[in-house]
Amino acid sequence: MLPIKQNSWFVPVLYRHVVEGAESPVALLAGQPPVQMVVSDVGLPDGDGCELLERLRAFYGGRDLPAIAMSGLGDAALVERCRRAGYRLFLMKPLTFEQLVSDTDDGIFMQTNRSWSIDDKRYNFQFGCEIGWEIKGGKLGRMFKNPSYSGITTEFWNSMDAICSRDQWTLWGTPNCGKGQPMQTMGTGHGAAPARFKNVKIGTAYKGN
């Protein structure tokens, strides 16, 4: 097996060789028994897992290699690219909030829901938050008051390209939801982990003082 080490993180499995990036396998494997399987991170210091798999196949004369790709990001385009490159399985790695921020070039992190509005078909929506922070170059920056985001439900969820792992999950919600005549109430909640969405319409829900 050939786990591909990225920085200090590596796959805890039985292995024969560990390489540091996409460029080193050919030199390392020369004169060694053939690799039977590849487990690779998609993002490597000197390339990516798709380039690595291409080099390994060329080294072995075009022989098909069973391969598993791993990444902390799982957008549809990346998964499809790995599939086309020849990976048979795509696995999501644990992703912390800090890693999610550091991988974001330009965005806004919003926190603490303040208001919500959605149509009867649950199609068009707008949510307002109490506070937000600008993300530039993978770092949290300026603070924003009353940020909001809106969109179309199906488009919004299809735009999600990253979500943090289960240990980042938190149960959110309101104490109760009331509807009907006479009024009927019940406890409500919704669990979620920090996630990233692309091309979302943002603004300010309240002018404030």
N, C-alpha and C. Protein backbone atom coordinates (compact mmCIF):
# COMPACT_ATOMS: atom_id res chain seq x y z
N MET A 1 0.85 -1.18 0.00
CA MET A 1 0.00 0.00 0.00
C MET A 1 0.89 1.24 0.00
N LEU A 2 0.35 2.35 -0.49
CA LEU A 2 1.14 3.57 -0.60
C LEU A 2 0.38 4.75 -0.05
N PRO A 3 0.30 4.88 1.29
CA PRO A 3 -0.29 6.10 1.83
C PRO A 3 0.59 7.29 1.48
N ILE A 4 -0.03 8.42 1.17
CA ILE A 4 0.71 9.60 0.81
C ILE A 4 0.68 10.58 1.97
N LYS A 5 1.80 10.85 2.54
CA LYS A 5 1.89 11.70 3.72
C LYS A 5 1.78 13.16 3.32
N GLN A 6 0.98 13.94 4.08
CA GLN A 6 0.87 15.38 3.84
C GLN A 6 1.21 16.08 5.13
N ASN A 7 2.34 16.80 5.12
CA ASN A 7 2.83 17.44 6.33
C ASN A 7 2.99 16.39 7.43
N SER A 8 2.30 16.54 8.57
CA SER A 8 2.47 15.59 9.66
C SER A 8 1.32 14.59 9.73
N TRP A 9 0.43 14.63 8.76
CA TRP A 9 -0.77 13.77 8.81
C TRP A 9 -0.57 12.60 7.87
N PHE A 10 -0.87 11.38 8.32
CA PHE A 10 -0.80 10.25 7.41
C PHE A 10 -1.87 9.24 7.78
N VAL A 11 -2.15 8.34 6.83
CA VAL A 11 -3.20 7.34 7.02
C VAL A 11 -2.69 6.24 7.94
N PRO A 12 -3.39 5.96 9.05
CA PRO A 12 -2.92 4.94 9.97
C PRO A 12 -3.30 3.53 9.51
N VAL A 13 -2.64 3.04 8.47
CA VAL A 13 -2.90 1.69 7.96
C VAL A 13 -1.57 1.00 7.74
N LEU A 14 -1.61 -0.31 7.50
CA LEU A 14 -0.41 -1.04 7.15
C LEU A 14 0.10 -0.51 5.82
N TYR A 15 1.41 -0.29 5.73
CA TYR A 15 1.93 0.28 4.49
C TYR A 15 3.33 -0.24 4.21
N ARG A 16 3.73 -0.10 2.96
CA ARG A 16 5.08 -0.47 2.56
C ARG A 16 5.94 0.76 2.35
N HIS A 17 5.36 1.79 1.73
CA HIS A 17 6.10 3.01 1.45
C HIS A 17 5.25 4.23 1.83
N VAL A 18 5.90 5.24 2.34
CA VAL A 18 5.26 6.54 2.57
C VAL A 18 6.07 7.57 1.80
N VAL A 19 5.41 8.37 0.98
CA VAL A 19 6.11 9.40 0.22
C VAL A 19 5.56 10.76 0.61
N GLU A 20 6.35 11.79 0.34
CA GLU A 20 6.03 13.13 0.82
C GLU A 20 5.19 13.95 -0.14
N GLY A 21 5.08 13.57 -1.39
CA GLY A 21 4.34 14.38 -2.35
C GLY A 21 4.16 13.68 -3.67
N ALA A 22 3.81 14.45 -4.68
CA ALA A 22 3.49 13.88 -5.99
C ALA A 22 4.74 13.59 -6.81
N GLU A 23 5.88 14.23 -6.48
CA GLU A 23 7.07 14.10 -7.31
C GLU A 23 7.95 12.91 -6.93
N SER A 24 7.87 12.44 -5.68
CA SER A 24 8.87 11.50 -5.18
C SER A 24 8.62 10.01 -5.45
N PRO A 25 7.42 9.54 -5.83
CA PRO A 25 7.20 8.10 -5.92
C PRO A 25 8.12 7.36 -6.87
N VAL A 26 8.40 7.91 -8.05
CA VAL A 26 9.20 7.19 -9.03
C VAL A 26 10.59 6.89 -8.48
N ALA A 27 11.24 7.89 -7.89
CA ALA A 27 12.57 7.68 -7.34
C ALA A 27 12.54 6.70 -6.17
N LEU A 28 11.51 6.79 -5.35
CA LEU A 28 11.42 5.93 -4.17
C LEU A 28 11.15 4.48 -4.53
N LEU A 29 10.32 4.23 -5.55
CA LEU A 29 9.85 2.89 -5.85
C LEU A 29 10.75 2.13 -6.82
N ALA A 30 11.73 2.80 -7.39
CA ALA A 30 12.63 2.12 -8.32
C ALA A 30 13.32 0.95 -7.61
N GLY A 31 13.20 -0.24 -8.19
CA GLY A 31 13.82 -1.43 -7.62
C GLY A 31 13.05 -2.07 -6.49
N GLN A 32 11.89 -1.51 -6.15
CA GLN A 32 11.07 -2.05 -5.07
C GLN A 32 9.96 -2.94 -5.64
N PRO A 33 9.37 -3.83 -4.81
CA PRO A 33 8.23 -4.63 -5.27
C PRO A 33 7.09 -3.72 -5.71
N PRO A 34 6.31 -4.13 -6.70
CA PRO A 34 5.23 -3.27 -7.23
C PRO A 34 4.22 -2.90 -6.15
N VAL A 35 3.77 -1.67 -6.22
CA VAL A 35 2.70 -1.21 -5.33
C VAL A 35 1.39 -1.87 -5.74
N GLN A 36 0.62 -2.33 -4.77
CA GLN A 36 -0.64 -3.01 -5.06
C GLN A 36 -1.86 -2.11 -4.88
N MET A 37 -1.70 -1.02 -4.13
CA MET A 37 -2.84 -0.14 -3.85
C MET A 37 -2.31 1.24 -3.45
N VAL A 38 -3.06 2.29 -3.80
CA VAL A 38 -2.68 3.66 -3.47
C VAL A 38 -3.75 4.29 -2.59
N VAL A 39 -3.34 4.90 -1.48
CA VAL A 39 -4.22 5.71 -0.64
C VAL A 39 -3.58 7.09 -0.57
N SER A 40 -4.23 8.09 -1.17
CA SER A 40 -3.59 9.39 -1.32
C SER A 40 -4.48 10.54 -0.90
N ASP A 41 -3.86 11.52 -0.25
CA ASP A 41 -4.53 12.80 -0.03
C ASP A 41 -4.64 13.50 -1.39
N VAL A 42 -5.73 14.21 -1.62
CA VAL A 42 -5.87 14.94 -2.88
C VAL A 42 -4.91 16.13 -2.92
N GLY A 43 -4.81 16.86 -1.83
CA GLY A 43 -3.91 18.01 -1.78
C GLY A 43 -2.53 17.62 -1.27
N LEU A 44 -1.50 17.79 -2.10
CA LEU A 44 -0.13 17.44 -1.73
C LEU A 44 0.75 18.69 -1.83
N PRO A 45 1.86 18.72 -1.11
CA PRO A 45 2.71 19.92 -1.11
C PRO A 45 3.21 20.33 -2.49
N ASP A 46 3.45 19.36 -3.39
CA ASP A 46 4.02 19.69 -4.69
C ASP A 46 3.12 19.28 -5.85
N GLY A 47 1.85 19.13 -5.61
CA GLY A 47 0.92 18.72 -6.67
C GLY A 47 -0.38 18.26 -6.06
N ASP A 48 -1.01 17.26 -6.68
CA ASP A 48 -2.21 16.69 -6.09
C ASP A 48 -2.27 15.20 -6.36
N GLY A 49 -3.25 14.55 -5.73
CA GLY A 49 -3.35 13.11 -5.83
C GLY A 49 -3.64 12.60 -7.22
N CYS A 50 -4.31 13.40 -8.03
CA CYS A 50 -4.60 12.98 -9.41
C CYS A 50 -3.31 12.93 -10.23
N GLU A 51 -2.43 13.91 -10.05
CA GLU A 51 -1.14 13.90 -10.73
C GLU A 51 -0.29 12.72 -10.25
N LEU A 52 -0.36 12.45 -8.95
CA LEU A 52 0.39 11.34 -8.39
C LEU A 52 -0.03 10.02 -9.03
N LEU A 53 -1.32 9.78 -9.12
CA LEU A 53 -1.81 8.52 -9.68
C LEU A 53 -1.40 8.39 -11.15
N GLU A 54 -1.41 9.49 -11.87
CA GLU A 54 -0.98 9.47 -13.27
C GLU A 54 0.49 9.08 -13.38
N ARG A 55 1.34 9.62 -12.51
CA ARG A 55 2.77 9.30 -12.53
C ARG A 55 3.01 7.83 -12.16
N LEU A 56 2.28 7.36 -11.17
CA LEU A 56 2.45 5.96 -10.76
C LEU A 56 2.04 5.01 -11.87
N ARG A 57 0.95 5.28 -12.54
CA ARG A 57 0.53 4.42 -13.64
C ARG A 57 1.53 4.43 -14.77
N ALA A 58 2.08 5.61 -15.07
CA ALA A 58 3.10 5.69 -16.11
C ALA A 58 4.35 4.91 -15.71
N PHE A 59 4.70 4.97 -14.43
CA PHE A 59 5.87 4.25 -13.93
C PHE A 59 5.69 2.74 -14.09
N TYR A 60 4.46 2.26 -13.92
CA TYR A 60 4.16 0.85 -14.04
C TYR A 60 3.64 0.47 -15.42
N GLY A 61 3.93 1.30 -16.41
CA GLY A 61 3.57 0.96 -17.77
C GLY A 61 2.08 0.98 -18.07
N GLY A 62 1.34 1.85 -17.37
CA GLY A 62 -0.08 1.97 -17.62
C GLY A 62 -0.94 0.99 -16.84
N ARG A 63 -0.33 0.21 -15.94
CA ARG A 63 -1.10 -0.77 -15.16
C ARG A 63 -2.12 -0.07 -14.27
N ASP A 64 -3.33 -0.63 -14.21
CA ASP A 64 -4.38 -0.07 -13.37
C ASP A 64 -4.06 -0.33 -11.91
N LEU A 65 -4.15 0.71 -11.09
CA LEU A 65 -3.88 0.58 -9.66
C LEU A 65 -5.13 0.89 -8.86
N PRO A 66 -5.59 -0.01 -8.00
CA PRO A 66 -6.69 0.34 -7.10
C PRO A 66 -6.27 1.54 -6.25
N ALA A 67 -7.12 2.57 -6.19
CA ALA A 67 -6.72 3.80 -5.52
C ALA A 67 -7.88 4.43 -4.76
N ILE A 68 -7.57 4.99 -3.60
CA ILE A 68 -8.54 5.69 -2.75
C ILE A 68 -8.04 7.11 -2.53
N ALA A 69 -8.90 8.08 -2.80
CA ALA A 69 -8.57 9.48 -2.60
C ALA A 69 -9.19 9.98 -1.30
N MET A 70 -8.50 10.91 -0.62
CA MET A 70 -9.02 11.48 0.61
C MET A 70 -8.85 12.99 0.58
N SER A 71 -9.81 13.69 1.18
CA SER A 71 -9.74 15.15 1.25
C SER A 71 -10.65 15.64 2.36
N GLY A 72 -10.31 16.80 2.90
CA GLY A 72 -11.20 17.45 3.85
C GLY A 72 -12.33 18.19 3.16
N LEU A 73 -12.21 18.36 1.84
CA LEU A 73 -13.22 19.03 1.04
C LEU A 73 -13.87 18.02 0.11
N GLY A 74 -15.18 18.13 -0.07
CA GLY A 74 -15.87 17.12 -0.85
C GLY A 74 -16.85 17.67 -1.85
N ASP A 75 -16.53 18.77 -2.53
CA ASP A 75 -17.46 19.30 -3.51
C ASP A 75 -17.55 18.36 -4.70
N ALA A 76 -18.68 18.41 -5.41
CA ALA A 76 -18.96 17.47 -6.48
C ALA A 76 -17.91 17.50 -7.57
N ALA A 77 -17.39 18.68 -7.90
CA ALA A 77 -16.39 18.79 -8.97
C ALA A 77 -15.11 18.04 -8.60
N LEU A 78 -14.69 18.14 -7.33
CA LEU A 78 -13.48 17.46 -6.89
C LEU A 78 -13.67 15.95 -6.90
N VAL A 79 -14.81 15.49 -6.42
CA VAL A 79 -15.10 14.06 -6.42
C VAL A 79 -15.10 13.51 -7.84
N GLU A 80 -15.71 14.24 -8.76
CA GLU A 80 -15.77 13.80 -10.15
C GLU A 80 -14.38 13.79 -10.77
N ARG A 81 -13.57 14.79 -10.46
CA ARG A 81 -12.20 14.83 -11.00
C ARG A 81 -11.40 13.62 -10.53
N CYS A 82 -11.55 13.25 -9.26
CA CYS A 82 -10.85 12.08 -8.74
C CYS A 82 -11.35 10.80 -9.40
N ARG A 83 -12.65 10.73 -9.62
CA ARG A 83 -13.21 9.54 -10.29
C ARG A 83 -12.65 9.40 -11.69
N ARG A 84 -12.58 10.51 -12.43
CA ARG A 84 -12.05 10.47 -13.79
C ARG A 84 -10.56 10.13 -13.81
N ALA A 85 -9.87 10.52 -12.74
CA ALA A 85 -8.44 10.21 -12.66
C ALA A 85 -8.19 8.73 -12.39
N GLY A 86 -9.22 8.02 -11.92
CA GLY A 86 -9.07 6.59 -11.68
C GLY A 86 -9.23 6.15 -10.24
N TYR A 87 -9.55 7.07 -9.35
CA TYR A 87 -9.78 6.67 -7.96
C TYR A 87 -11.13 5.95 -7.84
N ARG A 88 -11.13 4.86 -7.11
CA ARG A 88 -12.33 4.05 -6.99
C ARG A 88 -13.19 4.45 -5.79
N LEU A 89 -12.60 5.19 -4.86
CA LEU A 89 -13.33 5.59 -3.66
C LEU A 89 -12.82 6.95 -3.22
N PHE A 90 -13.74 7.79 -2.73
CA PHE A 90 -13.39 9.13 -2.23
C PHE A 90 -13.83 9.19 -0.77
N LEU A 91 -12.89 9.46 0.13
CA LEU A 91 -13.18 9.53 1.56
C LEU A 91 -12.95 10.93 2.08
N MET A 92 -13.87 11.40 2.93
CA MET A 92 -13.72 12.70 3.57
C MET A 92 -12.89 12.57 4.84
N LYS A 93 -11.90 13.42 5.02
CA LYS A 93 -11.11 13.45 6.24
C LYS A 93 -11.80 14.34 7.28
N PRO A 94 -11.49 14.13 8.55
CA PRO A 94 -11.98 15.07 9.56
C PRO A 94 -11.51 16.48 9.23
N LEU A 95 -12.43 17.46 9.37
CA LEU A 95 -12.11 18.84 9.03
C LEU A 95 -12.49 19.72 10.21
N THR A 96 -11.53 20.46 10.75
CA THR A 96 -11.80 21.37 11.87
C THR A 96 -12.24 22.73 11.33
N PHE A 97 -12.82 23.52 12.22
CA PHE A 97 -13.23 24.87 11.82
C PHE A 97 -12.02 25.69 11.41
N GLU A 98 -10.92 25.57 12.11
CA GLU A 98 -9.71 26.32 11.78
C GLU A 98 -9.20 25.96 10.39
N GLN A 99 -9.27 24.67 10.03
CA GLN A 99 -8.84 24.25 8.69
C GLN A 99 -9.79 24.78 7.62
N LEU A 100 -11.09 24.81 7.94
CA LEU A 100 -12.07 25.34 6.99
C LEU A 100 -11.79 26.81 6.70
N VAL A 101 -11.52 27.58 7.74
CA VAL A 101 -11.22 29.00 7.55
C VAL A 101 -9.93 29.19 6.75
N SER A 102 -8.90 28.43 7.11
CA SER A 102 -7.60 28.60 6.44
C SER A 102 -7.66 28.23 4.97
N ASP A 103 -8.64 27.42 4.57
CA ASP A 103 -8.78 27.02 3.17
C ASP A 103 -9.68 27.98 2.38
N THR A 104 -10.22 29.00 3.04
CA THR A 104 -11.14 29.94 2.40
C THR A 104 -10.43 31.25 2.08
N ASP A 105 -10.40 31.62 0.81
CA ASP A 105 -9.70 32.83 0.40
C ASP A 105 -10.53 34.09 0.67
N ASP A 106 -11.84 34.01 0.42
CA ASP A 106 -12.69 35.20 0.53
C ASP A 106 -14.08 34.76 0.95
N GLY A 107 -14.53 35.22 2.12
CA GLY A 107 -15.86 34.82 2.59
C GLY A 107 -16.26 35.58 3.84
N ILE A 108 -17.41 35.20 4.38
CA ILE A 108 -17.89 35.76 5.65
C ILE A 108 -18.36 34.62 6.53
N PHE A 109 -17.84 34.58 7.74
CA PHE A 109 -18.29 33.60 8.72
C PHE A 109 -19.40 34.23 9.54
N MET A 110 -20.60 33.66 9.49
CA MET A 110 -21.75 34.19 10.23
C MET A 110 -22.09 33.30 11.40
N GLN A 111 -22.54 33.94 12.49
CA GLN A 111 -22.82 33.20 13.71
C GLN A 111 -24.02 33.79 14.44
N THR A 112 -24.76 32.93 15.12
CA THR A 112 -25.90 33.28 15.98
C THR A 112 -27.09 33.81 15.17
N ASN A 113 -27.96 32.91 14.80
CA ASN A 113 -29.14 33.27 14.02
C ASN A 113 -30.03 34.24 14.79
N ARG A 114 -30.55 35.25 14.09
CA ARG A 114 -31.39 36.27 14.71
C ARG A 114 -32.80 36.29 14.12
N SER A 115 -32.92 36.04 12.85
CA SER A 115 -34.23 36.08 12.20
C SER A 115 -34.26 35.09 11.04
N TRP A 116 -35.46 34.72 10.64
CA TRP A 116 -35.59 33.81 9.52
C TRP A 116 -36.89 34.10 8.78
N SER A 117 -36.86 33.89 7.49
CA SER A 117 -38.03 34.11 6.65
C SER A 117 -37.95 33.14 5.47
N ILE A 118 -39.04 32.41 5.22
CA ILE A 118 -39.06 31.45 4.14
C ILE A 118 -40.49 31.34 3.61
N ASP A 119 -40.64 31.13 2.31
CA ASP A 119 -41.99 31.09 1.75
C ASP A 119 -42.70 29.77 2.06
N ASP A 120 -43.98 29.70 1.70
CA ASP A 120 -44.80 28.53 2.04
C ASP A 120 -44.27 27.25 1.41
N LYS A 121 -43.57 27.36 0.29
CA LYS A 121 -43.03 26.17 -0.38
C LYS A 121 -41.62 25.82 0.12
N ARG A 122 -41.14 26.59 1.08
CA ARG A 122 -39.79 26.39 1.62
C ARG A 122 -38.74 26.48 0.52
N TYR A 123 -38.93 27.46 -0.38
CA TYR A 123 -38.08 27.59 -1.55
C TYR A 123 -37.16 28.81 -1.46
N ASN A 124 -37.75 30.00 -1.33
CA ASN A 124 -36.97 31.23 -1.15
C ASN A 124 -36.82 31.52 0.34
N PHE A 125 -35.62 31.91 0.75
CA PHE A 125 -35.40 32.12 2.19
C PHE A 125 -34.45 33.28 2.42
N GLN A 126 -34.48 33.78 3.65
CA GLN A 126 -33.50 34.74 4.14
C GLN A 126 -33.28 34.51 5.62
N PHE A 127 -32.03 34.48 6.02
CA PHE A 127 -31.68 34.34 7.43
C PHE A 127 -30.78 35.50 7.84
N GLY A 128 -31.07 36.06 9.01
CA GLY A 128 -30.23 37.11 9.56
C GLY A 128 -29.47 36.61 10.78
N CYS A 129 -28.24 37.07 10.96
CA CYS A 129 -27.42 36.66 12.09
C CYS A 129 -27.03 37.89 12.92
N GLU A 130 -26.57 37.64 14.13
CA GLU A 130 -26.18 38.74 15.00
C GLU A 130 -24.79 39.28 14.70
N ILE A 131 -23.89 38.40 14.25
CA ILE A 131 -22.50 38.81 14.10
C ILE A 131 -21.84 38.01 12.98
N GLY A 132 -20.83 38.60 12.38
CA GLY A 132 -20.08 37.92 11.33
C GLY A 132 -18.65 38.43 11.29
N TRP A 133 -17.77 37.67 10.64
CA TRP A 133 -16.38 38.06 10.48
C TRP A 133 -15.96 37.86 9.03
N GLU A 134 -15.25 38.81 8.51
CA GLU A 134 -14.72 38.68 7.16
C GLU A 134 -13.58 37.66 7.15
N ILE A 135 -13.53 36.86 6.10
CA ILE A 135 -12.41 35.92 5.90
C ILE A 135 -11.64 36.37 4.66
N LYS A 136 -10.37 36.64 4.83
CA LYS A 136 -9.50 37.02 3.73
C LYS A 136 -8.19 36.24 3.84
N GLY A 137 -7.85 35.56 2.76
CA GLY A 137 -6.58 34.83 2.76
C GLY A 137 -6.48 33.79 3.84
N GLY A 138 -7.61 33.16 4.18
CA GLY A 138 -7.59 32.10 5.18
C GLY A 138 -7.54 32.56 6.62
N LYS A 139 -7.84 33.86 6.88
CA LYS A 139 -7.81 34.38 8.24
C LYS A 139 -9.05 35.19 8.53
N LEU A 140 -9.54 35.09 9.79
CA LEU A 140 -10.67 35.91 10.23
C LEU A 140 -10.21 37.34 10.40
N GLY A 141 -11.04 38.29 9.90
CA GLY A 141 -10.66 39.69 9.97
C GLY A 141 -11.73 40.56 10.58
N ARG A 142 -12.20 41.55 9.83
CA ARG A 142 -13.14 42.53 10.35
C ARG A 142 -14.44 41.90 10.85
N MET A 143 -15.01 42.51 11.88
CA MET A 143 -16.28 42.05 12.43
C MET A 143 -17.43 42.82 11.77
N PHE A 144 -18.55 42.12 11.47
CA PHE A 144 -19.74 42.72 10.88
C PHE A 144 -20.94 42.55 11.80
N LYS A 145 -21.80 43.57 11.81
CA LYS A 145 -23.01 43.52 12.61
C LYS A 145 -24.21 43.17 11.73
N ASN A 146 -25.05 42.27 12.21
CA ASN A 146 -26.31 41.89 11.54
C ASN A 146 -26.14 41.43 10.09
N PRO A 147 -25.22 40.54 9.80
CA PRO A 147 -25.12 40.05 8.43
C PRO A 147 -26.29 39.12 8.10
N SER A 148 -26.63 39.00 6.84
CA SER A 148 -27.71 38.11 6.42
C SER A 148 -27.31 37.38 5.16
N TYR A 149 -27.99 36.30 4.89
CA TYR A 149 -27.80 35.57 3.64
C TYR A 149 -29.15 35.08 3.15
N SER A 150 -29.28 34.99 1.83
CA SER A 150 -30.56 34.59 1.25
C SER A 150 -30.31 33.77 0.00
N GLY A 151 -31.36 33.11 -0.47
CA GLY A 151 -31.20 32.32 -1.68
C GLY A 151 -32.38 31.41 -1.93
N ILE A 152 -32.15 30.45 -2.79
CA ILE A 152 -33.13 29.41 -3.11
C ILE A 152 -32.63 28.11 -2.50
N THR A 153 -33.50 27.45 -1.77
CA THR A 153 -33.09 26.31 -0.94
C THR A 153 -32.25 25.29 -1.69
N THR A 154 -32.74 24.80 -2.83
CA THR A 154 -32.03 23.74 -3.54
C THR A 154 -30.67 24.23 -4.05
N GLU A 155 -30.62 25.45 -4.55
CA GLU A 155 -29.35 25.99 -5.04
C GLU A 155 -28.36 26.20 -3.90
N PHE A 156 -28.89 26.64 -2.76
CA PHE A 156 -28.04 26.89 -1.60
C PHE A 156 -27.35 25.61 -1.14
N TRP A 157 -28.12 24.55 -0.93
CA TRP A 157 -27.52 23.31 -0.42
C TRP A 157 -26.64 22.64 -1.46
N ASN A 158 -26.93 22.81 -2.72
CA ASN A 158 -26.06 22.25 -3.76
C ASN A 158 -24.75 23.02 -3.89
N SER A 159 -24.68 24.22 -3.30
CA SER A 159 -23.45 25.01 -3.38
C SER A 159 -22.48 24.71 -2.25
N MET A 160 -22.87 23.85 -1.30
CA MET A 160 -21.99 23.52 -0.19
C MET A 160 -20.82 22.67 -0.69
N ASP A 161 -19.58 23.12 -0.41
CA ASP A 161 -18.42 22.37 -0.88
C ASP A 161 -17.52 21.89 0.24
N ALA A 162 -17.89 22.18 1.50
CA ALA A 162 -17.08 21.69 2.63
C ALA A 162 -17.92 21.74 3.90
N ILE A 163 -17.70 20.76 4.77
CA ILE A 163 -18.38 20.74 6.06
C ILE A 163 -17.45 20.12 7.09
N CYS A 164 -17.45 20.68 8.29
CA CYS A 164 -16.57 20.18 9.34
C CYS A 164 -17.04 18.82 9.86
N SER A 165 -16.14 18.13 10.51
CA SER A 165 -16.42 16.77 10.96
C SER A 165 -17.34 16.73 12.17
N ARG A 166 -17.72 15.52 12.55
CA ARG A 166 -18.77 15.34 13.56
C ARG A 166 -18.43 15.91 14.93
N ASP A 167 -17.12 15.99 15.26
CA ASP A 167 -16.78 16.55 16.56
C ASP A 167 -16.96 18.07 16.61
N GLN A 168 -17.26 18.70 15.45
CA GLN A 168 -17.57 20.12 15.40
C GLN A 168 -19.09 20.37 15.43
N TRP A 169 -19.86 19.28 15.47
CA TRP A 169 -21.33 19.35 15.40
C TRP A 169 -21.90 19.91 16.70
N THR A 170 -22.90 20.79 16.57
CA THR A 170 -23.57 21.39 17.73
C THR A 170 -25.07 21.38 17.50
N LEU A 171 -25.84 21.14 18.54
CA LEU A 171 -27.30 21.17 18.45
C LEU A 171 -27.77 22.61 18.63
N TRP A 172 -28.46 23.14 17.62
CA TRP A 172 -29.02 24.49 17.65
C TRP A 172 -30.53 24.42 17.59
N GLY A 173 -31.19 25.55 17.76
CA GLY A 173 -32.64 25.59 17.60
C GLY A 173 -33.29 26.55 18.56
N THR A 174 -34.60 26.66 18.43
CA THR A 174 -35.39 27.49 19.34
C THR A 174 -36.04 26.59 20.37
N PRO A 175 -36.40 27.13 21.55
CA PRO A 175 -37.01 26.28 22.58
C PRO A 175 -38.29 25.60 22.12
N ASN A 176 -39.08 26.31 21.28
CA ASN A 176 -40.32 25.69 20.83
C ASN A 176 -40.78 26.36 19.53
N CYS A 177 -41.68 25.69 18.85
CA CYS A 177 -42.29 26.22 17.63
C CYS A 177 -43.80 26.11 17.79
N GLY A 178 -44.50 27.20 17.54
CA GLY A 178 -45.95 27.19 17.74
C GLY A 178 -46.70 27.47 16.46
N LYS A 179 -47.72 26.67 16.19
CA LYS A 179 -48.55 26.84 15.00
C LYS A 179 -49.97 26.36 15.30
N GLY A 180 -50.90 26.82 14.47
CA GLY A 180 -52.26 26.29 14.53
C GLY A 180 -53.19 27.11 15.40
N GLN A 181 -54.48 26.80 15.27
CA GLN A 181 -55.54 27.39 16.08
C GLN A 181 -56.42 26.25 16.61
N PRO A 182 -56.45 26.01 17.92
CA PRO A 182 -55.67 26.70 18.96
C PRO A 182 -54.18 26.40 18.83
N MET A 183 -53.37 27.27 19.42
CA MET A 183 -51.92 27.16 19.33
C MET A 183 -51.42 25.83 19.87
N GLN A 184 -50.53 25.20 19.12
CA GLN A 184 -49.88 23.97 19.55
C GLN A 184 -48.37 24.20 19.48
N THR A 185 -47.67 23.78 20.50
CA THR A 185 -46.22 24.01 20.55
C THR A 185 -45.49 22.70 20.82
N MET A 186 -44.26 22.66 20.38
CA MET A 186 -43.39 21.51 20.68
C MET A 186 -41.93 21.98 20.61
N GLY A 187 -41.07 21.26 21.31
CA GLY A 187 -39.65 21.59 21.29
C GLY A 187 -39.05 21.32 19.93
N THR A 188 -38.13 22.15 19.52
CA THR A 188 -37.49 22.00 18.22
C THR A 188 -35.98 22.16 18.35
N GLY A 189 -35.27 21.64 17.40
CA GLY A 189 -33.82 21.78 17.37
C GLY A 189 -33.28 21.32 16.03
N HIS A 190 -32.08 21.75 15.73
CA HIS A 190 -31.45 21.36 14.48
C HIS A 190 -29.95 21.35 14.69
N GLY A 191 -29.32 20.20 14.47
CA GLY A 191 -27.89 20.08 14.65
C GLY A 191 -27.13 20.39 13.37
N ALA A 192 -25.96 20.99 13.50
CA ALA A 192 -25.16 21.30 12.32
C ALA A 192 -23.70 21.50 12.72
N ALA A 193 -22.81 21.30 11.75
CA ALA A 193 -21.40 21.62 11.90
C ALA A 193 -21.08 22.80 10.97
N PRO A 194 -20.06 23.58 11.26
CA PRO A 194 -19.69 24.68 10.35
C PRO A 194 -19.51 24.17 8.93
N ALA A 195 -20.04 24.91 7.96
CA ALA A 195 -19.98 24.49 6.57
C ALA A 195 -19.68 25.69 5.69
N ARG A 196 -19.25 25.43 4.47
CA ARG A 196 -18.94 26.49 3.52
C ARG A 196 -19.82 26.37 2.28
N PHE A 197 -20.38 27.52 1.87
CA PHE A 197 -21.27 27.58 0.70
C PHE A 197 -20.72 28.61 -0.28
N LYS A 198 -20.80 28.29 -1.55
CA LYS A 198 -20.24 29.17 -2.58
C LYS A 198 -21.33 30.02 -3.23
N ASN A 199 -20.95 31.24 -3.63
CA ASN A 199 -21.82 32.12 -4.43
C ASN A 199 -23.16 32.39 -3.75
N VAL A 200 -23.11 32.74 -2.48
CA VAL A 200 -24.32 33.03 -1.70
C VAL A 200 -24.54 34.54 -1.65
N LYS A 201 -25.80 34.95 -1.80
CA LYS A 201 -26.14 36.37 -1.71
C LYS A 201 -26.14 36.78 -0.25
N ILE A 202 -25.35 37.80 0.09
CA ILE A 202 -25.26 38.26 1.48
C ILE A 202 -25.59 39.74 1.55
N GLY A 203 -25.92 40.18 2.76
CA GLY A 203 -26.27 41.59 2.95
C GLY A 203 -26.41 41.90 4.41
N THR A 204 -27.23 42.93 4.71
CA THR A 204 -27.51 43.34 6.07
C THR A 204 -29.01 43.28 6.32
N ALA A 205 -29.40 42.49 7.30
CA ALA A 205 -30.83 42.31 7.57
C ALA A 205 -31.41 43.48 8.33
N TYR A 206 -30.61 44.16 9.15
CA TYR A 206 -31.08 45.27 9.96
C TYR A 206 -30.11 46.44 9.80
N LYS A 207 -30.65 47.65 9.79
CA LYS A 207 -29.78 48.81 9.76
C LYS A 207 -29.14 49.04 11.11
N GLY A 208 -29.90 48.77 12.17
CA GLY A 208 -29.35 48.95 13.50
C GLY A 208 -29.10 50.40 13.85
N ASN A 209 -28.43 50.62 14.95
CA ASN A 209 -28.09 51.97 15.40
C ASN A 209 -26.59 52.17 15.42
